[in-house]
Amino acid sequence: MKTWKIDSSHSRIQFKVKHLMVSNVSGEFTKYDGTVLSDKDDFSDAKITFEADVDSLTTGSPQRDGHLKSNDFFNAQSFPKVKFVSKELKKIDGENYKLVGDFTMRDKTLPITLDVVFGGMGTMNGMNGLHTAAGFEIKGKINRKDFGLSWNMATEAGGVVVGEEIKLDITVELVEQKEAVKTEKA
């Protein structure tokens, strides 16, 4: 079974949510880790684990970031990680897949399905020698209230400040891990 790790310098874990029901606010997690185990070159047998540090969340506004990390939303102090564990990566056709798994945010774990586009594989000679990389675009959505992120405020116009649907927009480059060479002492 080959082991692949997320290359964080070539990946983005981003999300969007409606603000005032008229525009979107975007954010991303900057610290995360993910591992993929797969024997097949098309990854159709992949087993995926992923987690992001909630404290690494950024939207470009320190005040908003602090509110998102508070108990009104993620409660980073009590629930420091957002997690995903795959159940199935099903090839639909060509480069298109459906990824099904368990998503954990705060103290709730629920099944989600994500749309995946496999960008292919390439080999390059980098600073650490020859390595193989694989690229993916992943999109999906969740309802934040399903995970206990229910804070909101009504506006004077009768709308709400924060939408319920969170759109996920993820770009991942995986790098195949080289097996450590075992040496025996005589």
N, C-alpha and C. Protein backbone atom coordinates (compact mmCIF):
# COMPACT_ATOMS: atom_id res chain seq x y z
N MET A 1 0.86 -1.18 0.00
CA MET A 1 0.00 0.00 0.00
C MET A 1 0.90 1.24 0.00
N LYS A 2 0.72 2.11 -0.95
CA LYS A 2 1.49 3.36 -1.02
C LYS A 2 0.90 4.37 -0.04
N THR A 3 1.78 5.16 0.56
CA THR A 3 1.37 6.23 1.47
C THR A 3 1.63 7.57 0.81
N TRP A 4 0.61 8.43 0.84
CA TRP A 4 0.70 9.77 0.29
C TRP A 4 0.38 10.78 1.40
N LYS A 5 1.08 11.91 1.41
CA LYS A 5 0.82 12.97 2.39
C LYS A 5 0.49 14.27 1.65
N ILE A 6 -0.32 15.10 2.29
CA ILE A 6 -0.64 16.40 1.70
C ILE A 6 0.60 17.29 1.71
N ASP A 7 0.88 17.90 0.57
CA ASP A 7 1.93 18.91 0.45
C ASP A 7 1.28 20.26 0.72
N SER A 8 1.47 20.78 1.93
CA SER A 8 0.77 22.01 2.33
C SER A 8 1.23 23.24 1.54
N SER A 9 2.41 23.19 0.92
CA SER A 9 2.86 24.35 0.15
C SER A 9 2.17 24.42 -1.22
N HIS A 10 1.46 23.34 -1.60
CA HIS A 10 0.74 23.31 -2.87
C HIS A 10 -0.72 22.92 -2.69
N SER A 11 -1.27 23.18 -1.51
CA SER A 11 -2.66 22.81 -1.19
C SER A 11 -3.35 23.97 -0.47
N ARG A 12 -4.68 24.01 -0.57
CA ARG A 12 -5.50 25.03 0.12
C ARG A 12 -6.77 24.36 0.63
N ILE A 13 -7.09 24.61 1.90
CA ILE A 13 -8.31 24.08 2.52
C ILE A 13 -9.18 25.31 2.81
N GLN A 14 -10.09 25.62 1.89
CA GLN A 14 -10.86 26.85 1.96
C GLN A 14 -12.36 26.59 2.11
N PHE A 15 -13.06 27.62 2.58
CA PHE A 15 -14.51 27.55 2.73
C PHE A 15 -15.11 28.92 2.48
N LYS A 16 -16.43 28.94 2.22
CA LYS A 16 -17.18 30.19 2.02
C LYS A 16 -18.51 30.06 2.74
N VAL A 17 -18.99 31.18 3.25
CA VAL A 17 -20.31 31.23 3.87
C VAL A 17 -20.94 32.58 3.56
N LYS A 18 -22.24 32.59 3.39
CA LYS A 18 -22.96 33.84 3.10
C LYS A 18 -22.88 34.80 4.28
N HIS A 19 -22.70 36.08 3.98
CA HIS A 19 -22.71 37.13 4.98
C HIS A 19 -23.80 38.12 4.61
N LEU A 20 -24.70 38.37 5.55
CA LEU A 20 -25.84 39.28 5.35
C LEU A 20 -26.71 38.83 4.18
N MET A 21 -26.53 37.58 3.75
CA MET A 21 -27.29 36.96 2.67
C MET A 21 -27.08 37.64 1.31
N VAL A 22 -26.03 38.47 1.21
CA VAL A 22 -25.78 39.17 -0.05
C VAL A 22 -24.38 38.92 -0.62
N SER A 23 -23.45 38.48 0.23
CA SER A 23 -22.09 38.24 -0.26
C SER A 23 -21.51 37.04 0.48
N ASN A 24 -20.32 36.65 0.10
CA ASN A 24 -19.65 35.52 0.75
C ASN A 24 -18.43 36.00 1.50
N VAL A 25 -18.17 35.35 2.63
CA VAL A 25 -16.91 35.53 3.36
C VAL A 25 -16.15 34.24 3.19
N SER A 26 -14.89 34.35 2.81
CA SER A 26 -14.04 33.19 2.60
C SER A 26 -13.04 33.05 3.73
N GLY A 27 -12.65 31.84 3.98
CA GLY A 27 -11.63 31.57 4.98
C GLY A 27 -10.87 30.32 4.61
N GLU A 28 -9.85 30.02 5.37
CA GLU A 28 -9.09 28.81 5.14
C GLU A 28 -8.40 28.37 6.41
N PHE A 29 -8.04 27.09 6.42
CA PHE A 29 -7.22 26.53 7.48
C PHE A 29 -5.79 26.50 6.95
N THR A 30 -4.83 26.96 7.75
CA THR A 30 -3.45 27.01 7.29
C THR A 30 -2.58 25.90 7.86
N LYS A 31 -3.08 25.19 8.89
CA LYS A 31 -2.34 24.05 9.46
C LYS A 31 -3.24 22.83 9.40
N TYR A 32 -2.77 21.81 8.70
CA TYR A 32 -3.56 20.60 8.52
C TYR A 32 -2.63 19.46 8.14
N ASP A 33 -3.17 18.26 8.22
CA ASP A 33 -2.42 17.08 7.86
C ASP A 33 -3.37 16.08 7.24
N GLY A 34 -2.91 15.39 6.25
CA GLY A 34 -3.74 14.37 5.61
C GLY A 34 -2.88 13.24 5.07
N THR A 35 -3.43 12.03 5.16
CA THR A 35 -2.74 10.84 4.67
C THR A 35 -3.69 10.05 3.79
N VAL A 36 -3.17 9.56 2.68
CA VAL A 36 -3.93 8.71 1.77
C VAL A 36 -3.14 7.42 1.59
N LEU A 37 -3.83 6.31 1.78
CA LEU A 37 -3.26 4.99 1.52
C LEU A 37 -3.95 4.44 0.29
N SER A 38 -3.15 4.02 -0.72
CA SER A 38 -3.74 3.52 -1.96
C SER A 38 -2.75 2.65 -2.70
N ASP A 39 -3.25 1.58 -3.29
CA ASP A 39 -2.43 0.73 -4.15
C ASP A 39 -2.63 1.05 -5.62
N LYS A 40 -3.81 1.60 -5.95
CA LYS A 40 -4.16 1.83 -7.35
C LYS A 40 -3.76 3.23 -7.81
N ASP A 41 -3.29 3.32 -9.06
CA ASP A 41 -2.88 4.61 -9.60
C ASP A 41 -4.04 5.59 -9.79
N ASP A 42 -5.27 5.07 -9.87
CA ASP A 42 -6.42 5.97 -10.00
C ASP A 42 -7.05 6.30 -8.63
N PHE A 43 -6.44 5.81 -7.55
CA PHE A 43 -6.86 6.08 -6.16
C PHE A 43 -8.25 5.55 -5.81
N SER A 44 -8.81 4.68 -6.63
CA SER A 44 -10.17 4.19 -6.37
C SER A 44 -10.25 3.31 -5.12
N ASP A 45 -9.12 2.88 -4.59
CA ASP A 45 -9.10 2.10 -3.35
C ASP A 45 -8.60 2.93 -2.16
N ALA A 46 -8.57 4.24 -2.29
CA ALA A 46 -7.95 5.12 -1.30
C ALA A 46 -8.66 5.09 0.05
N LYS A 47 -7.85 5.12 1.09
CA LYS A 47 -8.30 5.31 2.48
C LYS A 47 -7.69 6.64 2.91
N ILE A 48 -8.56 7.58 3.31
CA ILE A 48 -8.14 8.95 3.54
C ILE A 48 -8.43 9.38 4.97
N THR A 49 -7.44 10.00 5.61
CA THR A 49 -7.65 10.66 6.90
C THR A 49 -7.14 12.08 6.77
N PHE A 50 -7.86 13.00 7.40
CA PHE A 50 -7.52 14.42 7.32
C PHE A 50 -7.91 15.09 8.62
N GLU A 51 -7.08 16.05 9.06
CA GLU A 51 -7.47 16.90 10.18
C GLU A 51 -6.85 18.28 10.01
N ALA A 52 -7.61 19.29 10.45
CA ALA A 52 -7.16 20.68 10.39
C ALA A 52 -7.21 21.27 11.79
N ASP A 53 -6.22 22.10 12.11
CA ASP A 53 -6.19 22.80 13.39
C ASP A 53 -7.13 24.00 13.32
N VAL A 54 -8.13 24.00 14.20
CA VAL A 54 -9.10 25.10 14.20
C VAL A 54 -8.42 26.43 14.50
N ASP A 55 -7.39 26.44 15.34
CA ASP A 55 -6.68 27.69 15.64
C ASP A 55 -5.99 28.29 14.43
N SER A 56 -5.81 27.51 13.36
CA SER A 56 -5.15 28.03 12.16
C SER A 56 -6.14 28.70 11.20
N LEU A 57 -7.43 28.69 11.55
CA LEU A 57 -8.46 29.30 10.71
C LEU A 57 -8.20 30.79 10.54
N THR A 58 -8.29 31.26 9.30
CA THR A 58 -8.14 32.69 9.04
C THR A 58 -9.11 33.13 7.95
N THR A 59 -9.71 34.31 8.17
CA THR A 59 -10.59 34.91 7.17
C THR A 59 -10.08 36.28 6.73
N GLY A 60 -8.94 36.68 7.26
CA GLY A 60 -8.40 37.99 6.96
C GLY A 60 -8.84 39.07 7.94
N SER A 61 -9.65 38.70 8.93
CA SER A 61 -10.12 39.63 9.95
C SER A 61 -9.89 39.01 11.33
N PRO A 62 -8.88 39.48 12.07
CA PRO A 62 -8.58 38.91 13.39
C PRO A 62 -9.80 38.90 14.34
N GLN A 63 -10.61 39.95 14.28
CA GLN A 63 -11.80 40.00 15.15
C GLN A 63 -12.78 38.88 14.77
N ARG A 64 -13.05 38.72 13.49
CA ARG A 64 -13.96 37.66 13.03
C ARG A 64 -13.36 36.28 13.33
N ASP A 65 -12.05 36.13 13.11
CA ASP A 65 -11.39 34.85 13.38
C ASP A 65 -11.55 34.47 14.85
N GLY A 66 -11.39 35.44 15.74
CA GLY A 66 -11.57 35.19 17.17
C GLY A 66 -12.99 34.74 17.48
N HIS A 67 -13.97 35.37 16.84
CA HIS A 67 -15.37 34.98 17.06
C HIS A 67 -15.61 33.57 16.54
N LEU A 68 -15.07 33.24 15.36
CA LEU A 68 -15.25 31.89 14.80
C LEU A 68 -14.62 30.81 15.67
N LYS A 69 -13.53 31.14 16.36
CA LYS A 69 -12.86 30.17 17.22
C LYS A 69 -13.51 30.07 18.60
N SER A 70 -14.44 30.97 18.89
CA SER A 70 -15.12 30.98 20.20
C SER A 70 -16.20 29.90 20.26
N ASN A 71 -16.84 29.79 21.42
CA ASN A 71 -17.90 28.80 21.62
C ASN A 71 -19.13 29.07 20.73
N ASP A 72 -19.28 30.29 20.20
CA ASP A 72 -20.39 30.57 19.29
C ASP A 72 -20.29 29.74 18.01
N PHE A 73 -19.07 29.36 17.65
CA PHE A 73 -18.86 28.61 16.42
C PHE A 73 -18.04 27.34 16.69
N PHE A 74 -16.75 27.33 16.36
CA PHE A 74 -15.93 26.12 16.43
C PHE A 74 -15.56 25.68 17.84
N ASN A 75 -15.50 26.60 18.79
CA ASN A 75 -15.04 26.29 20.15
C ASN A 75 -13.68 25.59 20.09
N ALA A 76 -12.69 26.33 19.59
CA ALA A 76 -11.35 25.77 19.36
C ALA A 76 -10.70 25.26 20.63
N GLN A 77 -11.02 25.85 21.76
CA GLN A 77 -10.41 25.41 23.02
C GLN A 77 -10.84 23.99 23.37
N SER A 78 -12.11 23.67 23.22
CA SER A 78 -12.61 22.33 23.55
C SER A 78 -12.51 21.35 22.39
N PHE A 79 -12.57 21.86 21.16
CA PHE A 79 -12.56 21.00 19.96
C PHE A 79 -11.52 21.54 18.98
N PRO A 80 -10.25 21.24 19.22
CA PRO A 80 -9.17 21.87 18.45
C PRO A 80 -8.99 21.38 17.02
N LYS A 81 -9.68 20.30 16.61
CA LYS A 81 -9.48 19.75 15.27
C LYS A 81 -10.81 19.59 14.54
N VAL A 82 -10.76 19.76 13.23
CA VAL A 82 -11.82 19.36 12.30
C VAL A 82 -11.26 18.13 11.61
N LYS A 83 -12.07 17.05 11.50
CA LYS A 83 -11.54 15.78 11.00
C LYS A 83 -12.42 15.18 9.91
N PHE A 84 -11.78 14.40 9.05
CA PHE A 84 -12.48 13.64 8.02
C PHE A 84 -11.82 12.28 7.89
N VAL A 85 -12.65 11.22 7.82
CA VAL A 85 -12.17 9.86 7.59
C VAL A 85 -13.04 9.28 6.47
N SER A 86 -12.39 8.83 5.41
CA SER A 86 -13.14 8.32 4.26
C SER A 86 -13.75 6.96 4.52
N LYS A 87 -14.85 6.71 3.82
CA LYS A 87 -15.47 5.39 3.79
C LYS A 87 -15.34 4.80 2.39
N GLU A 88 -15.43 5.69 1.37
CA GLU A 88 -15.37 5.21 -0.02
C GLU A 88 -15.00 6.36 -0.95
N LEU A 89 -14.15 6.06 -1.91
CA LEU A 89 -13.86 6.97 -3.02
C LEU A 89 -14.31 6.24 -4.26
N LYS A 90 -15.44 6.68 -4.82
CA LYS A 90 -16.05 5.98 -5.95
C LYS A 90 -15.80 6.76 -7.23
N LYS A 91 -15.19 6.06 -8.21
CA LYS A 91 -14.94 6.67 -9.51
C LYS A 91 -16.26 6.72 -10.28
N ILE A 92 -16.65 7.90 -10.72
CA ILE A 92 -17.88 8.08 -11.48
C ILE A 92 -17.60 7.90 -12.97
N ASP A 93 -16.64 8.67 -13.47
CA ASP A 93 -16.19 8.54 -14.86
C ASP A 93 -14.92 9.37 -15.03
N GLY A 94 -14.07 8.95 -15.92
CA GLY A 94 -12.84 9.70 -16.20
C GLY A 94 -12.13 10.15 -14.95
N GLU A 95 -12.14 11.45 -14.72
CA GLU A 95 -11.44 12.05 -13.58
C GLU A 95 -12.39 12.40 -12.42
N ASN A 96 -13.66 12.10 -12.53
CA ASN A 96 -14.67 12.50 -11.53
C ASN A 96 -14.97 11.38 -10.54
N TYR A 97 -14.97 11.75 -9.27
CA TYR A 97 -15.19 10.80 -8.17
C TYR A 97 -16.20 11.39 -7.19
N LYS A 98 -16.76 10.52 -6.35
CA LYS A 98 -17.55 10.90 -5.18
C LYS A 98 -16.79 10.35 -3.97
N LEU A 99 -16.53 11.22 -3.01
CA LEU A 99 -15.83 10.83 -1.80
C LEU A 99 -16.83 10.87 -0.65
N VAL A 100 -17.03 9.73 -0.01
CA VAL A 100 -17.96 9.61 1.11
C VAL A 100 -17.15 9.34 2.36
N GLY A 101 -17.50 10.03 3.45
CA GLY A 101 -16.79 9.80 4.69
C GLY A 101 -17.47 10.46 5.87
N ASP A 102 -16.85 10.32 7.02
CA ASP A 102 -17.35 10.92 8.26
C ASP A 102 -16.59 12.21 8.53
N PHE A 103 -17.34 13.29 8.72
CA PHE A 103 -16.78 14.61 8.98
C PHE A 103 -17.10 14.98 10.42
N THR A 104 -16.08 15.38 11.17
CA THR A 104 -16.25 15.75 12.57
C THR A 104 -15.89 17.21 12.77
N MET A 105 -16.85 17.94 13.35
CA MET A 105 -16.64 19.34 13.73
C MET A 105 -17.28 19.51 15.10
N ARG A 106 -16.56 20.13 16.00
CA ARG A 106 -16.97 20.20 17.41
C ARG A 106 -17.13 18.77 17.91
N ASP A 107 -18.27 18.42 18.46
CA ASP A 107 -18.48 17.08 19.01
C ASP A 107 -19.46 16.26 18.16
N LYS A 108 -19.63 16.66 16.90
CA LYS A 108 -20.56 15.95 16.00
C LYS A 108 -19.80 15.32 14.85
N THR A 109 -20.14 14.08 14.57
CA THR A 109 -19.61 13.38 13.41
C THR A 109 -20.78 12.97 12.54
N LEU A 110 -20.77 13.42 11.28
CA LEU A 110 -21.84 13.12 10.35
C LEU A 110 -21.26 12.71 9.00
N PRO A 111 -21.99 11.89 8.24
CA PRO A 111 -21.51 11.52 6.91
C PRO A 111 -21.67 12.69 5.93
N ILE A 112 -20.69 12.83 5.05
CA ILE A 112 -20.78 13.83 3.98
C ILE A 112 -20.30 13.18 2.68
N THR A 113 -20.72 13.77 1.57
CA THR A 113 -20.27 13.35 0.24
C THR A 113 -19.67 14.56 -0.46
N LEU A 114 -18.49 14.38 -0.99
CA LEU A 114 -17.76 15.45 -1.67
C LEU A 114 -17.54 15.08 -3.14
N ASP A 115 -17.52 16.09 -4.00
CA ASP A 115 -17.19 15.90 -5.41
C ASP A 115 -15.68 16.08 -5.58
N VAL A 116 -15.05 15.13 -6.25
CA VAL A 116 -13.60 15.15 -6.42
C VAL A 116 -13.27 15.06 -7.90
N VAL A 117 -12.32 15.89 -8.33
CA VAL A 117 -11.75 15.79 -9.67
C VAL A 117 -10.27 15.46 -9.50
N PHE A 118 -9.86 14.33 -10.08
CA PHE A 118 -8.48 13.88 -10.04
C PHE A 118 -7.73 14.54 -11.18
N GLY A 119 -6.75 15.37 -10.83
CA GLY A 119 -6.00 16.12 -11.84
C GLY A 119 -4.88 15.33 -12.50
N GLY A 120 -4.54 14.17 -11.94
CA GLY A 120 -3.47 13.36 -12.51
C GLY A 120 -2.25 13.29 -11.62
N MET A 121 -1.20 12.64 -12.16
CA MET A 121 0.06 12.47 -11.42
C MET A 121 1.21 12.99 -12.25
N GLY A 122 2.25 13.39 -11.54
CA GLY A 122 3.47 13.84 -12.20
C GLY A 122 4.67 13.54 -11.32
N THR A 123 5.81 13.48 -11.93
CA THR A 123 7.06 13.22 -11.21
C THR A 123 8.00 14.39 -11.43
N MET A 124 8.65 14.79 -10.36
CA MET A 124 9.63 15.87 -10.50
C MET A 124 10.82 15.63 -9.59
N ASN A 125 11.92 16.25 -9.95
CA ASN A 125 13.12 16.16 -9.15
C ASN A 125 13.19 17.43 -8.31
N GLY A 126 12.85 17.31 -7.03
CA GLY A 126 12.82 18.46 -6.13
C GLY A 126 14.01 18.48 -5.20
N MET A 127 13.89 19.31 -4.16
CA MET A 127 14.99 19.47 -3.20
C MET A 127 15.29 18.16 -2.46
N ASN A 128 14.29 17.30 -2.31
CA ASN A 128 14.49 16.03 -1.61
C ASN A 128 14.61 14.86 -2.59
N GLY A 129 14.98 15.15 -3.81
CA GLY A 129 15.13 14.10 -4.80
C GLY A 129 13.87 13.90 -5.62
N LEU A 130 13.85 12.80 -6.33
CA LEU A 130 12.74 12.48 -7.21
C LEU A 130 11.51 12.11 -6.40
N HIS A 131 10.35 12.71 -6.72
CA HIS A 131 9.11 12.36 -6.03
C HIS A 131 7.93 12.42 -7.00
N THR A 132 6.87 11.67 -6.63
CA THR A 132 5.65 11.62 -7.42
C THR A 132 4.57 12.38 -6.67
N ALA A 133 3.83 13.21 -7.40
CA ALA A 133 2.74 14.00 -6.82
C ALA A 133 1.45 13.71 -7.58
N ALA A 134 0.33 13.88 -6.86
CA ALA A 134 -1.00 13.71 -7.45
C ALA A 134 -1.85 14.89 -7.01
N GLY A 135 -2.70 15.39 -7.93
CA GLY A 135 -3.50 16.58 -7.63
C GLY A 135 -4.99 16.31 -7.65
N PHE A 136 -5.72 17.00 -6.77
CA PHE A 136 -7.16 16.84 -6.64
C PHE A 136 -7.83 18.18 -6.36
N GLU A 137 -9.02 18.36 -6.92
CA GLU A 137 -9.91 19.47 -6.59
C GLU A 137 -11.12 18.85 -5.90
N ILE A 138 -11.49 19.36 -4.74
CA ILE A 138 -12.57 18.79 -3.94
C ILE A 138 -13.56 19.89 -3.59
N LYS A 139 -14.84 19.61 -3.83
CA LYS A 139 -15.89 20.58 -3.50
C LYS A 139 -17.02 19.87 -2.78
N GLY A 140 -17.69 20.62 -1.93
CA GLY A 140 -18.82 20.07 -1.20
C GLY A 140 -19.46 21.15 -0.36
N LYS A 141 -20.46 20.75 0.42
CA LYS A 141 -21.09 21.71 1.32
C LYS A 141 -21.64 20.97 2.52
N ILE A 142 -21.69 21.70 3.61
CA ILE A 142 -22.27 21.19 4.85
C ILE A 142 -23.16 22.27 5.44
N ASN A 143 -24.07 21.87 6.31
CA ASN A 143 -24.88 22.83 7.04
C ASN A 143 -24.24 22.99 8.41
N ARG A 144 -23.78 24.18 8.74
CA ARG A 144 -23.04 24.41 9.98
C ARG A 144 -23.89 24.11 11.21
N LYS A 145 -25.20 24.31 11.11
CA LYS A 145 -26.07 24.05 12.26
C LYS A 145 -26.12 22.56 12.60
N ASP A 146 -25.93 21.69 11.62
CA ASP A 146 -25.89 20.25 11.87
C ASP A 146 -24.75 19.88 12.82
N PHE A 147 -23.72 20.73 12.88
CA PHE A 147 -22.55 20.47 13.71
C PHE A 147 -22.52 21.34 14.96
N GLY A 148 -23.62 22.01 15.27
CA GLY A 148 -23.69 22.81 16.49
C GLY A 148 -23.17 24.22 16.37
N LEU A 149 -22.88 24.68 15.16
CA LEU A 149 -22.44 26.06 14.95
C LEU A 149 -23.68 26.88 14.60
N SER A 150 -24.44 27.26 15.63
CA SER A 150 -25.77 27.81 15.39
C SER A 150 -25.90 29.31 15.66
N TRP A 151 -24.84 29.97 16.10
CA TRP A 151 -24.94 31.40 16.39
C TRP A 151 -25.39 32.16 15.15
N ASN A 152 -26.24 33.17 15.37
CA ASN A 152 -26.65 34.07 14.29
C ASN A 152 -27.30 35.29 14.90
N MET A 153 -27.51 36.28 14.09
CA MET A 153 -28.21 37.50 14.47
C MET A 153 -29.10 37.91 13.32
N ALA A 154 -30.28 38.42 13.65
CA ALA A 154 -31.18 38.93 12.62
C ALA A 154 -30.73 40.34 12.22
N THR A 155 -30.95 40.67 10.97
CA THR A 155 -30.66 42.03 10.51
C THR A 155 -31.95 42.84 10.53
N GLU A 156 -31.81 44.15 10.42
CA GLU A 156 -32.99 45.03 10.40
C GLU A 156 -33.89 44.73 9.22
N ALA A 157 -33.30 44.21 8.14
CA ALA A 157 -34.08 43.92 6.94
C ALA A 157 -34.77 42.56 7.01
N GLY A 158 -34.58 41.85 8.11
CA GLY A 158 -35.24 40.56 8.26
C GLY A 158 -34.41 39.37 7.86
N GLY A 159 -33.19 39.59 7.43
CA GLY A 159 -32.29 38.49 7.07
C GLY A 159 -31.47 38.06 8.28
N VAL A 160 -30.41 37.32 8.02
CA VAL A 160 -29.50 36.91 9.08
C VAL A 160 -28.07 37.29 8.69
N VAL A 161 -27.21 37.36 9.70
CA VAL A 161 -25.83 37.76 9.47
C VAL A 161 -25.03 36.66 8.77
N VAL A 162 -25.21 35.40 9.22
CA VAL A 162 -24.40 34.30 8.71
C VAL A 162 -25.30 33.22 8.11
N GLY A 163 -25.01 32.80 6.89
CA GLY A 163 -25.76 31.73 6.25
C GLY A 163 -25.50 30.38 6.91
N GLU A 164 -26.36 29.43 6.68
CA GLU A 164 -26.22 28.10 7.27
C GLU A 164 -25.30 27.21 6.45
N GLU A 165 -25.30 27.36 5.13
CA GLU A 165 -24.52 26.49 4.26
C GLU A 165 -23.07 26.95 4.16
N ILE A 166 -22.16 26.02 4.40
CA ILE A 166 -20.73 26.28 4.23
C ILE A 166 -20.27 25.52 2.99
N LYS A 167 -19.71 26.26 2.04
CA LYS A 167 -19.18 25.63 0.82
C LYS A 167 -17.70 25.34 1.02
N LEU A 168 -17.32 24.12 0.72
CA LEU A 168 -15.93 23.69 0.84
C LEU A 168 -15.28 23.74 -0.53
N ASP A 169 -14.08 24.28 -0.58
CA ASP A 169 -13.33 24.41 -1.83
C ASP A 169 -11.88 24.05 -1.52
N ILE A 170 -11.49 22.85 -1.89
CA ILE A 170 -10.21 22.30 -1.45
C ILE A 170 -9.36 21.92 -2.65
N THR A 171 -8.12 22.34 -2.63
CA THR A 171 -7.13 21.96 -3.63
C THR A 171 -6.04 21.20 -2.90
N VAL A 172 -5.78 19.97 -3.33
CA VAL A 172 -4.81 19.14 -2.62
C VAL A 172 -3.79 18.58 -3.60
N GLU A 173 -2.53 18.70 -3.21
CA GLU A 173 -1.46 17.99 -3.91
C GLU A 173 -0.89 17.00 -2.92
N LEU A 174 -0.90 15.73 -3.31
CA LEU A 174 -0.35 14.67 -2.48
C LEU A 174 1.04 14.32 -2.99
N VAL A 175 1.92 13.95 -2.06
CA VAL A 175 3.26 13.49 -2.43
C VAL A 175 3.44 12.08 -1.89
N GLU A 176 3.85 11.18 -2.79
CA GLU A 176 4.09 9.81 -2.37
C GLU A 176 5.29 9.77 -1.43
N GLN A 177 5.13 9.05 -0.33
CA GLN A 177 6.18 8.94 0.67
C GLN A 177 7.11 7.80 0.33
N LYS A 178 8.39 8.05 0.46
CA LYS A 178 9.39 7.02 0.21
C LYS A 178 9.49 6.14 1.46
N GLU A 179 9.57 4.85 1.24
CA GLU A 179 9.74 3.95 2.38
C GLU A 179 11.14 4.07 2.92
N ALA A 180 11.23 4.07 4.23
CA ALA A 180 12.55 4.12 4.87
C ALA A 180 13.26 2.80 4.62
N VAL A 181 14.52 2.90 4.31
CA VAL A 181 15.32 1.71 4.07
C VAL A 181 15.76 1.17 5.43
N LYS A 182 15.44 -0.09 5.68
CA LYS A 182 15.81 -0.72 6.95
C LYS A 182 17.19 -1.33 6.83
N THR A 183 18.01 -1.07 7.81
CA THR A 183 19.32 -1.69 7.83
C THR A 183 19.43 -2.57 9.07
N GLU A 184 20.06 -3.69 8.90
CA GLU A 184 20.23 -4.62 10.02
C GLU A 184 21.67 -4.52 10.51
N LYS A 185 21.81 -4.55 11.84
CA LYS A 185 23.15 -4.55 12.42
C LYS A 185 23.66 -5.99 12.46
N ALA A 186 24.94 -6.14 12.16
CA ALA A 186 25.53 -7.49 12.16
C ALA A 186 25.88 -7.93 13.55
